[in-house]
Amino acid sequence: MLVSSNEIDQTARKACVASGLGHDRAADLAAAAVWLLRMDHDGASALAAMLNEGGFTLPIAADTTGGVLHCNPTRPALEGIAAIDWLIAEGREGVIRLEGLVHPVMMLGLLGNAASSHRLAFSIDTENDDAIPLIVTASSGLDDAGMLPEILTLRLADAPQRTGPQQAGHLNVEERTWKRLSAMAYKTYVPSSEASRLKGAG
């Protein structure tokens, strides 16, 4: 079914908040899901699967040793967002080693959205020394996002010339997935009552 990108973004944000995530992380994850959908990955299903799994109240598992940020495990909603923010702040000197990566499609979405927002690119190195680093930019991702390895190294890369802004438009979402996200988002709504109206609800 076709849904406007704005409606996907807002519903995804509410679903994240209903799952126990803060508004800042919810905004990043919703934008990542929309970016994935624009890149022909099923970002809505990837987000719904991650939210269903939960586990967002545990402390972030990250430490810095020798100028390298180590994350293990790497959950996109927690360590993933924190690692990307750290790398952008560190610039070219920053290196991140991610281990135990779960929900790799959502991690790709976070990288792609950050590349778009900050006009930069990320280089992904795997454990295979012969492999050419994978580059994630504002307008391109990986053909097979699900194959991101559980262990990888992230760095900033030279960004190509920026393409034009993404158009809002409509994106294709599976109806079953849309119902799941909408049901999660519904948990954020305040029931209509005299008490809720006195407290400022619409």
N, C-alpha and C. Protein backbone atom coordinates (compact mmCIF):
# COMPACT_ATOMS: atom_id res chain seq x y z
N MET A 1 0.84 -1.18 0.00
CA MET A 1 0.00 0.00 0.00
C MET A 1 0.88 1.24 0.00
N LEU A 2 0.40 2.31 -0.60
CA LEU A 2 1.15 3.56 -0.67
C LEU A 2 0.79 4.45 0.52
N VAL A 3 1.82 4.94 1.21
CA VAL A 3 1.64 5.81 2.37
C VAL A 3 2.58 6.99 2.21
N SER A 4 2.14 8.17 2.59
CA SER A 4 3.02 9.34 2.45
C SER A 4 4.23 9.19 3.36
N SER A 5 5.37 9.68 2.91
CA SER A 5 6.59 9.56 3.70
C SER A 5 6.45 10.27 5.04
N ASN A 6 5.70 11.38 5.07
CA ASN A 6 5.50 12.10 6.32
C ASN A 6 4.68 11.26 7.30
N GLU A 7 3.65 10.58 6.81
CA GLU A 7 2.84 9.75 7.70
C GLU A 7 3.64 8.56 8.22
N ILE A 8 4.49 7.99 7.36
CA ILE A 8 5.36 6.90 7.81
C ILE A 8 6.27 7.40 8.92
N ASP A 9 6.87 8.57 8.70
CA ASP A 9 7.79 9.13 9.69
C ASP A 9 7.09 9.35 11.03
N GLN A 10 5.92 9.98 11.01
CA GLN A 10 5.22 10.29 12.25
C GLN A 10 4.73 9.04 12.97
N THR A 11 4.21 8.08 12.21
CA THR A 11 3.73 6.84 12.82
C THR A 11 4.89 6.04 13.39
N ALA A 12 6.00 6.01 12.67
CA ALA A 12 7.18 5.29 13.15
C ALA A 12 7.72 5.93 14.43
N ARG A 13 7.73 7.25 14.49
CA ARG A 13 8.18 7.93 15.71
C ARG A 13 7.33 7.53 16.91
N LYS A 14 6.01 7.55 16.72
CA LYS A 14 5.11 7.20 17.82
C LYS A 14 5.29 5.75 18.23
N ALA A 15 5.50 4.87 17.26
CA ALA A 15 5.72 3.46 17.57
C ALA A 15 6.99 3.29 18.40
N CYS A 16 8.03 4.05 18.07
CA CYS A 16 9.29 3.98 18.84
C CYS A 16 9.08 4.47 20.26
N VAL A 17 8.39 5.58 20.41
CA VAL A 17 8.13 6.13 21.75
C VAL A 17 7.30 5.15 22.57
N ALA A 18 6.30 4.55 21.95
CA ALA A 18 5.47 3.56 22.65
C ALA A 18 6.27 2.34 23.07
N SER A 19 7.39 2.09 22.39
CA SER A 19 8.24 0.94 22.72
C SER A 19 9.28 1.28 23.77
N GLY A 20 9.25 2.50 24.29
CA GLY A 20 10.14 2.87 25.37
C GLY A 20 11.35 3.69 24.98
N LEU A 21 11.43 4.12 23.73
CA LEU A 21 12.56 4.92 23.28
C LEU A 21 12.25 6.41 23.43
N GLY A 22 13.29 7.21 23.66
CA GLY A 22 13.11 8.65 23.78
C GLY A 22 12.79 9.28 22.44
N HIS A 23 12.31 10.50 22.48
CA HIS A 23 11.91 11.18 21.24
C HIS A 23 13.08 11.41 20.29
N ASP A 24 14.28 11.64 20.83
CA ASP A 24 15.44 11.87 19.95
C ASP A 24 15.79 10.61 19.17
N ARG A 25 15.82 9.48 19.85
CA ARG A 25 16.12 8.22 19.16
C ARG A 25 14.98 7.84 18.22
N ALA A 26 13.74 8.11 18.64
CA ALA A 26 12.59 7.82 17.80
C ALA A 26 12.67 8.58 16.48
N ALA A 27 13.10 9.84 16.54
CA ALA A 27 13.22 10.65 15.32
C ALA A 27 14.27 10.06 14.39
N ASP A 28 15.41 9.64 14.94
CA ASP A 28 16.47 9.05 14.12
C ASP A 28 16.01 7.75 13.47
N LEU A 29 15.35 6.90 14.24
CA LEU A 29 14.93 5.60 13.72
C LEU A 29 13.83 5.74 12.67
N ALA A 30 12.90 6.67 12.89
CA ALA A 30 11.84 6.88 11.91
C ALA A 30 12.43 7.39 10.59
N ALA A 31 13.36 8.33 10.68
CA ALA A 31 14.01 8.85 9.47
C ALA A 31 14.80 7.75 8.77
N ALA A 32 15.41 6.86 9.55
CA ALA A 32 16.16 5.74 8.97
C ALA A 32 15.23 4.81 8.20
N ALA A 33 14.05 4.55 8.77
CA ALA A 33 13.09 3.67 8.10
C ALA A 33 12.63 4.28 6.78
N VAL A 34 12.38 5.59 6.77
CA VAL A 34 11.96 6.26 5.54
C VAL A 34 13.09 6.23 4.51
N TRP A 35 14.33 6.48 4.94
CA TRP A 35 15.47 6.43 4.01
C TRP A 35 15.57 5.04 3.38
N LEU A 36 15.42 4.01 4.19
CA LEU A 36 15.49 2.64 3.66
C LEU A 36 14.40 2.40 2.61
N LEU A 37 13.19 2.85 2.89
CA LEU A 37 12.10 2.67 1.93
C LEU A 37 12.42 3.38 0.62
N ARG A 38 13.03 4.55 0.70
CA ARG A 38 13.41 5.27 -0.52
C ARG A 38 14.48 4.52 -1.30
N MET A 39 15.29 3.73 -0.59
CA MET A 39 16.36 2.96 -1.22
C MET A 39 15.90 1.55 -1.60
N ASP A 40 14.60 1.32 -1.57
CA ASP A 40 14.00 0.02 -1.93
C ASP A 40 14.34 -1.10 -0.96
N HIS A 41 14.60 -0.76 0.30
CA HIS A 41 14.69 -1.75 1.37
C HIS A 41 13.42 -1.62 2.20
N ASP A 42 12.99 -2.71 2.83
CA ASP A 42 11.76 -2.68 3.62
C ASP A 42 12.04 -2.12 5.01
N GLY A 43 12.22 -0.81 5.07
CA GLY A 43 12.53 -0.16 6.33
C GLY A 43 11.42 -0.26 7.36
N ALA A 44 10.17 -0.30 6.91
CA ALA A 44 9.06 -0.39 7.86
C ALA A 44 9.07 -1.73 8.58
N SER A 45 9.28 -2.81 7.84
CA SER A 45 9.34 -4.14 8.46
C SER A 45 10.56 -4.28 9.35
N ALA A 46 11.69 -3.70 8.92
CA ALA A 46 12.91 -3.77 9.73
C ALA A 46 12.70 -3.05 11.06
N LEU A 47 12.05 -1.89 11.02
CA LEU A 47 11.78 -1.15 12.25
C LEU A 47 10.81 -1.91 13.14
N ALA A 48 9.73 -2.43 12.55
CA ALA A 48 8.74 -3.16 13.34
C ALA A 48 9.37 -4.37 14.02
N ALA A 49 10.23 -5.10 13.31
CA ALA A 49 10.89 -6.27 13.89
C ALA A 49 11.78 -5.87 15.06
N MET A 50 12.51 -4.78 14.91
CA MET A 50 13.38 -4.32 15.97
C MET A 50 12.58 -3.89 17.19
N LEU A 51 11.48 -3.18 16.98
CA LEU A 51 10.65 -2.72 18.09
C LEU A 51 9.99 -3.90 18.80
N ASN A 52 9.58 -4.92 18.04
CA ASN A 52 8.98 -6.10 18.66
C ASN A 52 9.95 -6.81 19.58
N GLU A 53 11.23 -6.79 19.21
CA GLU A 53 12.24 -7.46 20.03
C GLU A 53 12.50 -6.72 21.32
N GLY A 54 12.41 -5.39 21.29
CA GLY A 54 12.58 -4.59 22.50
C GLY A 54 14.01 -4.61 23.02
N GLY A 55 14.15 -4.53 24.36
CA GLY A 55 15.46 -4.52 24.99
C GLY A 55 16.14 -3.18 24.93
N PHE A 56 15.37 -2.09 25.08
CA PHE A 56 15.94 -0.75 24.94
C PHE A 56 16.30 -0.09 26.26
N THR A 57 16.12 -0.79 27.38
CA THR A 57 16.37 -0.17 28.67
C THR A 57 17.75 -0.52 29.23
N LEU A 58 18.47 -1.40 28.56
CA LEU A 58 19.78 -1.78 29.05
C LEU A 58 20.78 -0.66 28.82
N PRO A 59 21.84 -0.56 29.64
CA PRO A 59 22.83 0.50 29.39
C PRO A 59 23.55 0.29 28.07
N ILE A 60 24.04 1.38 27.51
CA ILE A 60 24.78 1.31 26.24
C ILE A 60 26.12 0.63 26.48
N ALA A 61 26.42 -0.36 25.63
CA ALA A 61 27.64 -1.15 25.77
C ALA A 61 28.71 -0.60 24.84
N ALA A 62 29.40 0.45 25.27
CA ALA A 62 30.43 1.07 24.44
C ALA A 62 31.55 1.61 25.31
N ASP A 63 32.77 1.52 24.81
CA ASP A 63 33.90 2.12 25.51
C ASP A 63 34.94 2.55 24.48
N THR A 64 35.77 3.50 24.88
CA THR A 64 36.80 4.01 23.98
C THR A 64 38.17 3.54 24.46
N THR A 65 38.88 2.85 23.57
CA THR A 65 40.23 2.37 23.86
C THR A 65 41.14 2.74 22.71
N GLY A 66 42.21 3.44 23.00
CA GLY A 66 43.17 3.79 21.95
C GLY A 66 42.58 4.61 20.83
N GLY A 67 41.61 5.47 21.14
CA GLY A 67 41.00 6.31 20.12
C GLY A 67 39.98 5.62 19.26
N VAL A 68 39.66 4.36 19.59
CA VAL A 68 38.66 3.60 18.84
C VAL A 68 37.46 3.35 19.74
N LEU A 69 36.27 3.64 19.24
CA LEU A 69 35.05 3.36 19.99
C LEU A 69 34.64 1.92 19.72
N HIS A 70 34.54 1.12 20.78
CA HIS A 70 34.15 -0.29 20.66
C HIS A 70 32.72 -0.45 21.18
N CYS A 71 31.88 -1.13 20.40
CA CYS A 71 30.52 -1.43 20.82
C CYS A 71 30.29 -2.93 20.70
N ASN A 72 29.81 -3.56 21.77
CA ASN A 72 29.50 -4.99 21.74
C ASN A 72 28.56 -5.31 22.90
N PRO A 73 27.30 -5.65 22.61
CA PRO A 73 26.70 -5.81 21.28
C PRO A 73 26.42 -4.45 20.64
N THR A 74 25.97 -4.48 19.40
CA THR A 74 25.61 -3.25 18.70
C THR A 74 24.13 -3.31 18.32
N ARG A 75 23.32 -2.61 19.10
CA ARG A 75 21.89 -2.49 18.80
C ARG A 75 21.68 -1.12 18.16
N PRO A 76 21.12 -1.07 16.97
CA PRO A 76 20.99 0.22 16.27
C PRO A 76 20.35 1.32 17.10
N ALA A 77 19.30 0.99 17.86
CA ALA A 77 18.58 2.01 18.61
C ALA A 77 19.39 2.58 19.77
N LEU A 78 20.39 1.85 20.23
CA LEU A 78 21.20 2.30 21.36
C LEU A 78 22.63 2.60 20.93
N GLU A 79 23.45 1.55 20.83
CA GLU A 79 24.85 1.77 20.46
C GLU A 79 25.00 2.34 19.06
N GLY A 80 24.12 1.94 18.14
CA GLY A 80 24.23 2.41 16.76
C GLY A 80 24.12 3.91 16.64
N ILE A 81 23.08 4.48 17.23
CA ILE A 81 22.89 5.94 17.18
C ILE A 81 24.03 6.65 17.89
N ALA A 82 24.40 6.15 19.07
CA ALA A 82 25.49 6.78 19.83
C ALA A 82 26.80 6.73 19.05
N ALA A 83 27.08 5.61 18.40
CA ALA A 83 28.33 5.46 17.65
C ALA A 83 28.39 6.42 16.47
N ILE A 84 27.28 6.57 15.76
CA ILE A 84 27.26 7.49 14.61
C ILE A 84 27.48 8.93 15.08
N ASP A 85 26.81 9.31 16.17
CA ASP A 85 27.00 10.67 16.71
C ASP A 85 28.46 10.89 17.10
N TRP A 86 29.06 9.88 17.75
CA TRP A 86 30.46 9.99 18.18
C TRP A 86 31.38 10.14 16.97
N LEU A 87 31.14 9.35 15.93
CA LEU A 87 32.00 9.38 14.75
C LEU A 87 31.90 10.73 14.04
N ILE A 88 30.71 11.27 13.93
CA ILE A 88 30.55 12.58 13.29
C ILE A 88 31.28 13.66 14.08
N ALA A 89 31.21 13.57 15.42
CA ALA A 89 31.91 14.54 16.26
C ALA A 89 33.43 14.40 16.16
N GLU A 90 33.91 13.16 16.06
CA GLU A 90 35.35 12.91 15.99
C GLU A 90 35.94 13.28 14.63
N GLY A 91 35.15 13.16 13.59
CA GLY A 91 35.63 13.47 12.25
C GLY A 91 36.54 12.39 11.70
N ARG A 92 37.49 12.80 10.87
CA ARG A 92 38.35 11.84 10.15
C ARG A 92 39.21 10.99 11.07
N GLU A 93 39.45 11.45 12.27
CA GLU A 93 40.29 10.69 13.20
C GLU A 93 39.51 9.56 13.87
N GLY A 94 38.21 9.61 13.80
CA GLY A 94 37.40 8.63 14.52
C GLY A 94 37.33 7.28 13.83
N VAL A 95 37.36 6.23 14.63
CA VAL A 95 37.20 4.85 14.15
C VAL A 95 36.27 4.13 15.11
N ILE A 96 35.33 3.39 14.56
CA ILE A 96 34.40 2.63 15.39
C ILE A 96 34.49 1.16 15.03
N ARG A 97 34.54 0.32 16.03
CA ARG A 97 34.49 -1.12 15.81
C ARG A 97 33.19 -1.63 16.42
N LEU A 98 32.34 -2.15 15.56
CA LEU A 98 31.04 -2.67 15.98
C LEU A 98 31.08 -4.19 15.98
N GLU A 99 30.67 -4.79 17.08
CA GLU A 99 30.59 -6.24 17.18
C GLU A 99 29.19 -6.63 17.62
N GLY A 100 28.81 -7.86 17.30
CA GLY A 100 27.50 -8.35 17.69
C GLY A 100 26.37 -7.52 17.12
N LEU A 101 26.52 -7.10 15.86
CA LEU A 101 25.50 -6.25 15.23
C LEU A 101 24.20 -7.01 15.02
N VAL A 102 23.13 -6.47 15.56
CA VAL A 102 21.79 -7.02 15.33
C VAL A 102 21.01 -6.00 14.50
N HIS A 103 20.01 -6.47 13.80
CA HIS A 103 19.18 -5.61 12.95
C HIS A 103 20.03 -4.76 12.00
N PRO A 104 20.84 -5.42 11.17
CA PRO A 104 21.76 -4.69 10.28
C PRO A 104 21.06 -3.76 9.30
N VAL A 105 19.84 -4.09 8.89
CA VAL A 105 19.13 -3.21 7.95
C VAL A 105 18.85 -1.86 8.61
N MET A 106 18.46 -1.87 9.88
CA MET A 106 18.22 -0.61 10.57
C MET A 106 19.51 0.17 10.76
N MET A 107 20.61 -0.53 10.98
CA MET A 107 21.90 0.17 11.10
C MET A 107 22.25 0.86 9.79
N LEU A 108 21.99 0.17 8.68
CA LEU A 108 22.22 0.78 7.37
C LEU A 108 21.36 2.03 7.21
N GLY A 109 20.10 1.95 7.63
CA GLY A 109 19.22 3.11 7.53
C GLY A 109 19.71 4.29 8.34
N LEU A 110 20.22 4.03 9.54
CA LEU A 110 20.77 5.11 10.36
C LEU A 110 21.97 5.75 9.69
N LEU A 111 22.84 4.92 9.10
CA LEU A 111 24.00 5.45 8.40
C LEU A 111 23.58 6.28 7.19
N GLY A 112 22.64 5.77 6.40
CA GLY A 112 22.19 6.49 5.22
C GLY A 112 21.53 7.81 5.56
N ASN A 113 20.71 7.81 6.61
CA ASN A 113 20.05 9.04 7.00
C ASN A 113 21.06 10.05 7.53
N ALA A 114 22.04 9.58 8.31
CA ALA A 114 23.08 10.48 8.82
C ALA A 114 23.91 11.05 7.67
N ALA A 115 24.20 10.21 6.68
CA ALA A 115 24.95 10.69 5.51
C ALA A 115 24.18 11.79 4.80
N SER A 116 22.87 11.62 4.70
CA SER A 116 22.03 12.62 4.05
C SER A 116 21.96 13.91 4.87
N SER A 117 21.77 13.77 6.17
CA SER A 117 21.60 14.94 7.04
C SER A 117 22.88 15.76 7.18
N HIS A 118 24.02 15.08 7.21
CA HIS A 118 25.29 15.76 7.49
C HIS A 118 26.19 15.91 6.26
N ARG A 119 25.68 15.50 5.10
CA ARG A 119 26.42 15.63 3.84
C ARG A 119 27.80 14.97 3.92
N LEU A 120 27.79 13.71 4.30
CA LEU A 120 29.03 12.95 4.38
C LEU A 120 28.78 11.52 3.95
N ALA A 121 29.80 10.70 4.06
CA ALA A 121 29.68 9.29 3.69
C ALA A 121 30.40 8.46 4.74
N PHE A 122 30.01 7.19 4.83
CA PHE A 122 30.63 6.27 5.77
C PHE A 122 31.29 5.13 5.01
N SER A 123 32.45 4.72 5.47
CA SER A 123 33.16 3.58 4.90
C SER A 123 33.03 2.42 5.88
N ILE A 124 32.58 1.26 5.37
CA ILE A 124 32.42 0.07 6.19
C ILE A 124 33.47 -0.95 5.79
N ASP A 125 34.36 -1.27 6.71
CA ASP A 125 35.36 -2.31 6.49
C ASP A 125 34.94 -3.57 7.23
N THR A 126 35.09 -4.71 6.59
CA THR A 126 34.75 -5.99 7.22
C THR A 126 36.02 -6.70 7.66
N GLU A 127 35.84 -7.88 8.24
CA GLU A 127 36.99 -8.67 8.70
C GLU A 127 37.80 -9.23 7.54
N ASN A 128 37.20 -9.26 6.35
CA ASN A 128 37.88 -9.80 5.16
C ASN A 128 38.85 -8.75 4.62
N ASP A 129 40.15 -9.00 4.77
CA ASP A 129 41.16 -8.03 4.35
C ASP A 129 41.14 -7.76 2.85
N ASP A 130 40.64 -8.71 2.06
CA ASP A 130 40.62 -8.55 0.61
C ASP A 130 39.41 -7.77 0.11
N ALA A 131 38.44 -7.56 0.99
CA ALA A 131 37.20 -6.91 0.56
C ALA A 131 37.40 -5.41 0.40
N ILE A 132 36.78 -4.85 -0.62
CA ILE A 132 36.79 -3.40 -0.82
C ILE A 132 35.81 -2.79 0.17
N PRO A 133 36.19 -1.70 0.85
CA PRO A 133 35.26 -1.08 1.80
C PRO A 133 33.94 -0.70 1.12
N LEU A 134 32.85 -0.89 1.84
CA LEU A 134 31.53 -0.51 1.34
C LEU A 134 31.28 0.94 1.74
N ILE A 135 30.72 1.70 0.82
CA ILE A 135 30.47 3.12 1.08
C ILE A 135 28.96 3.36 1.15
N VAL A 136 28.53 4.02 2.22
CA VAL A 136 27.13 4.41 2.37
C VAL A 136 27.06 5.93 2.25
N THR A 137 26.25 6.41 1.31
CA THR A 137 26.09 7.84 1.09
C THR A 137 24.62 8.22 1.24
N ALA A 138 24.34 9.50 1.00
CA ALA A 138 22.97 9.99 1.13
C ALA A 138 22.02 9.35 0.12
N SER A 139 22.55 8.92 -1.02
CA SER A 139 21.66 8.42 -2.08
C SER A 139 21.97 6.99 -2.49
N SER A 140 22.79 6.30 -1.73
CA SER A 140 23.05 4.91 -2.08
C SER A 140 23.36 4.11 -0.82
N GLY A 141 22.95 2.86 -0.85
CA GLY A 141 23.24 1.98 0.26
C GLY A 141 23.84 0.70 -0.24
N LEU A 142 23.56 -0.38 0.43
CA LEU A 142 24.07 -1.68 0.03
C LEU A 142 22.96 -2.45 -0.66
N ASP A 143 23.31 -3.18 -1.70
CA ASP A 143 22.30 -3.96 -2.41
C ASP A 143 21.71 -5.03 -1.51
N ASP A 144 22.51 -5.59 -0.62
CA ASP A 144 22.03 -6.64 0.27
C ASP A 144 22.33 -6.23 1.70
N ALA A 145 21.49 -5.37 2.25
CA ALA A 145 21.74 -4.81 3.58
C ALA A 145 21.76 -5.87 4.66
N GLY A 146 21.00 -6.94 4.46
CA GLY A 146 20.94 -7.98 5.47
C GLY A 146 22.24 -8.74 5.63
N MET A 147 23.17 -8.54 4.70
CA MET A 147 24.43 -9.27 4.75
C MET A 147 25.54 -8.47 5.44
N LEU A 148 25.21 -7.35 6.07
CA LEU A 148 26.23 -6.65 6.85
C LEU A 148 26.76 -7.63 7.90
N PRO A 149 28.08 -7.72 8.05
CA PRO A 149 28.63 -8.68 9.00
C PRO A 149 28.37 -8.26 10.44
N GLU A 150 28.51 -9.21 11.36
CA GLU A 150 28.30 -8.90 12.77
C GLU A 150 29.46 -8.09 13.34
N ILE A 151 30.60 -8.14 12.67
CA ILE A 151 31.76 -7.36 13.11
C ILE A 151 32.20 -6.47 11.96
N LEU A 152 32.27 -5.17 12.19
CA LEU A 152 32.71 -4.26 11.14
C LEU A 152 33.34 -3.02 11.74
N THR A 153 34.06 -2.29 10.90
CA THR A 153 34.72 -1.06 11.31
C THR A 153 34.16 0.09 10.48
N LEU A 154 33.83 1.19 11.15
CA LEU A 154 33.25 2.36 10.48
C LEU A 154 34.20 3.54 10.53
N ARG A 155 34.28 4.26 9.42
CA ARG A 155 35.04 5.50 9.33
C ARG A 155 34.26 6.47 8.45
N LEU A 156 34.60 7.75 8.54
CA LEU A 156 34.06 8.71 7.59
C LEU A 156 34.81 8.56 6.27
N ALA A 157 34.13 8.82 5.18
CA ALA A 157 34.73 8.70 3.85
C ALA A 157 34.45 9.98 3.07
N ASP A 158 35.12 10.12 1.94
CA ASP A 158 34.86 11.26 1.06
C ASP A 158 33.45 11.15 0.51
N ALA A 159 32.66 12.18 0.70
CA ALA A 159 31.29 12.16 0.21
C ALA A 159 31.26 12.60 -1.24
N PRO A 160 30.47 11.93 -2.08
CA PRO A 160 30.32 12.38 -3.46
C PRO A 160 29.53 13.68 -3.50
N GLN A 161 29.46 14.27 -4.68
CA GLN A 161 28.69 15.50 -4.82
C GLN A 161 27.26 15.25 -4.39
N ARG A 162 26.75 16.16 -3.60
CA ARG A 162 25.41 15.98 -3.03
C ARG A 162 24.35 16.01 -4.13
N THR A 163 23.43 15.07 -4.03
CA THR A 163 22.31 15.05 -4.96
C THR A 163 21.22 15.98 -4.44
N GLY A 164 20.19 16.18 -5.22
CA GLY A 164 19.09 17.04 -4.81
C GLY A 164 18.34 16.47 -3.63
N PRO A 165 17.51 17.29 -2.98
CA PRO A 165 16.78 16.82 -1.81
C PRO A 165 15.79 15.72 -2.18
N GLN A 166 15.57 14.82 -1.24
CA GLN A 166 14.61 13.75 -1.46
C GLN A 166 13.20 14.35 -1.51
N GLN A 167 12.43 13.92 -2.46
CA GLN A 167 11.05 14.38 -2.56
C GLN A 167 10.20 13.64 -1.52
N ALA A 168 9.17 14.32 -1.03
CA ALA A 168 8.31 13.71 -0.01
C ALA A 168 7.61 12.48 -0.59
N GLY A 169 6.59 12.70 -1.39
CA GLY A 169 5.95 11.61 -2.10
C GLY A 169 5.38 10.50 -1.23
N HIS A 170 5.06 9.40 -1.89
CA HIS A 170 4.49 8.22 -1.24
C HIS A 170 5.45 7.05 -1.39
N LEU A 171 5.44 6.18 -0.39
CA LEU A 171 6.31 5.01 -0.40
C LEU A 171 5.48 3.76 -0.17
N ASN A 172 5.98 2.66 -0.67
CA ASN A 172 5.25 1.40 -0.59
C ASN A 172 5.57 0.68 0.72
N VAL A 173 4.53 0.38 1.49
CA VAL A 173 4.66 -0.32 2.76
C VAL A 173 3.70 -1.51 2.75
N GLU A 174 4.17 -2.65 3.24
CA GLU A 174 3.28 -3.81 3.33
C GLU A 174 2.14 -3.49 4.30
N GLU A 175 0.93 -3.86 3.91
CA GLU A 175 -0.24 -3.53 4.73
C GLU A 175 -0.13 -4.13 6.12
N ARG A 176 0.34 -5.36 6.21
CA ARG A 176 0.47 -6.02 7.51
C ARG A 176 1.45 -5.27 8.41
N THR A 177 2.57 -4.82 7.83
CA THR A 177 3.56 -4.07 8.59
C THR A 177 3.00 -2.73 9.04
N TRP A 178 2.27 -2.07 8.15
CA TRP A 178 1.68 -0.77 8.48
C TRP A 178 0.71 -0.91 9.65
N LYS A 179 -0.07 -1.98 9.66
CA LYS A 179 -1.00 -2.21 10.77
C LYS A 179 -0.25 -2.43 12.08
N ARG A 180 0.88 -3.15 12.02
CA ARG A 180 1.68 -3.39 13.22
C ARG A 180 2.24 -2.08 13.77
N LEU A 181 2.81 -1.25 12.89
CA LEU A 181 3.36 0.03 13.35
C LEU A 181 2.26 0.95 13.88
N SER A 182 1.13 0.96 13.20
CA SER A 182 0.02 1.81 13.64
C SER A 182 -0.51 1.37 15.00
N ALA A 183 -0.55 0.05 15.23
CA ALA A 183 -1.01 -0.47 16.52
C ALA A 183 -0.04 -0.06 17.64
N MET A 184 1.25 -0.09 17.34
CA MET A 184 2.24 0.36 18.33
C MET A 184 2.06 1.85 18.60
N ALA A 185 1.92 2.63 17.52
CA ALA A 185 1.78 4.08 17.66
C ALA A 185 0.53 4.44 18.45
N TYR A 186 -0.51 3.65 18.31
CA TYR A 186 -1.79 3.93 18.98
C TYR A 186 -1.62 3.94 20.50
N LYS A 187 -0.62 3.23 21.00
CA LYS A 187 -0.40 3.17 22.46
C LYS A 187 0.01 4.52 23.03
N THR A 188 0.41 5.45 22.18
CA THR A 188 0.81 6.77 22.67
C THR A 188 -0.37 7.72 22.79
N TYR A 189 -1.52 7.34 22.28
CA TYR A 189 -2.67 8.23 22.30
C TYR A 189 -3.29 8.27 23.69
N VAL A 190 -3.77 9.45 24.08
CA VAL A 190 -4.41 9.63 25.38
C VAL A 190 -5.90 9.36 25.23
N PRO A 191 -6.45 8.50 26.09
CA PRO A 191 -7.90 8.23 26.00
C PRO A 191 -8.70 9.51 26.22
N SER A 192 -9.79 9.63 25.51
CA SER A 192 -10.65 10.80 25.65
C SER A 192 -11.46 10.68 26.93
N SER A 193 -11.26 11.62 27.82
CA SER A 193 -12.03 11.64 29.07
C SER A 193 -12.04 13.08 29.58
N GLU A 194 -12.90 13.34 30.54
CA GLU A 194 -12.94 14.68 31.12
C GLU A 194 -11.60 15.01 31.80
N ALA A 195 -11.02 14.01 32.46
CA ALA A 195 -9.74 14.23 33.14
C ALA A 195 -8.63 14.55 32.14
N SER A 196 -8.60 13.83 31.01
CA SER A 196 -7.54 14.09 30.03
C SER A 196 -7.72 15.46 29.39
N ARG A 197 -8.98 15.87 29.18
CA ARG A 197 -9.21 17.20 28.60
C ARG A 197 -8.77 18.30 29.56
N LEU A 198 -9.00 18.10 30.86
CA LEU A 198 -8.58 19.09 31.85
C LEU A 198 -7.06 19.21 31.90
N LYS A 199 -6.36 18.13 31.52
CA LYS A 199 -4.89 18.14 31.51
C LYS A 199 -4.32 18.60 30.18
N GLY A 200 -5.19 18.99 29.25
CA GLY A 200 -4.71 19.58 28.00
C GLY A 200 -4.82 18.71 26.77
N ALA A 201 -5.35 17.49 26.90
CA ALA A 201 -5.52 16.65 25.71
C ALA A 201 -6.58 17.25 24.81
N GLY A 202 -6.49 16.98 23.50
CA GLY A 202 -7.43 17.55 22.54
C GLY A 202 -8.84 17.06 22.69
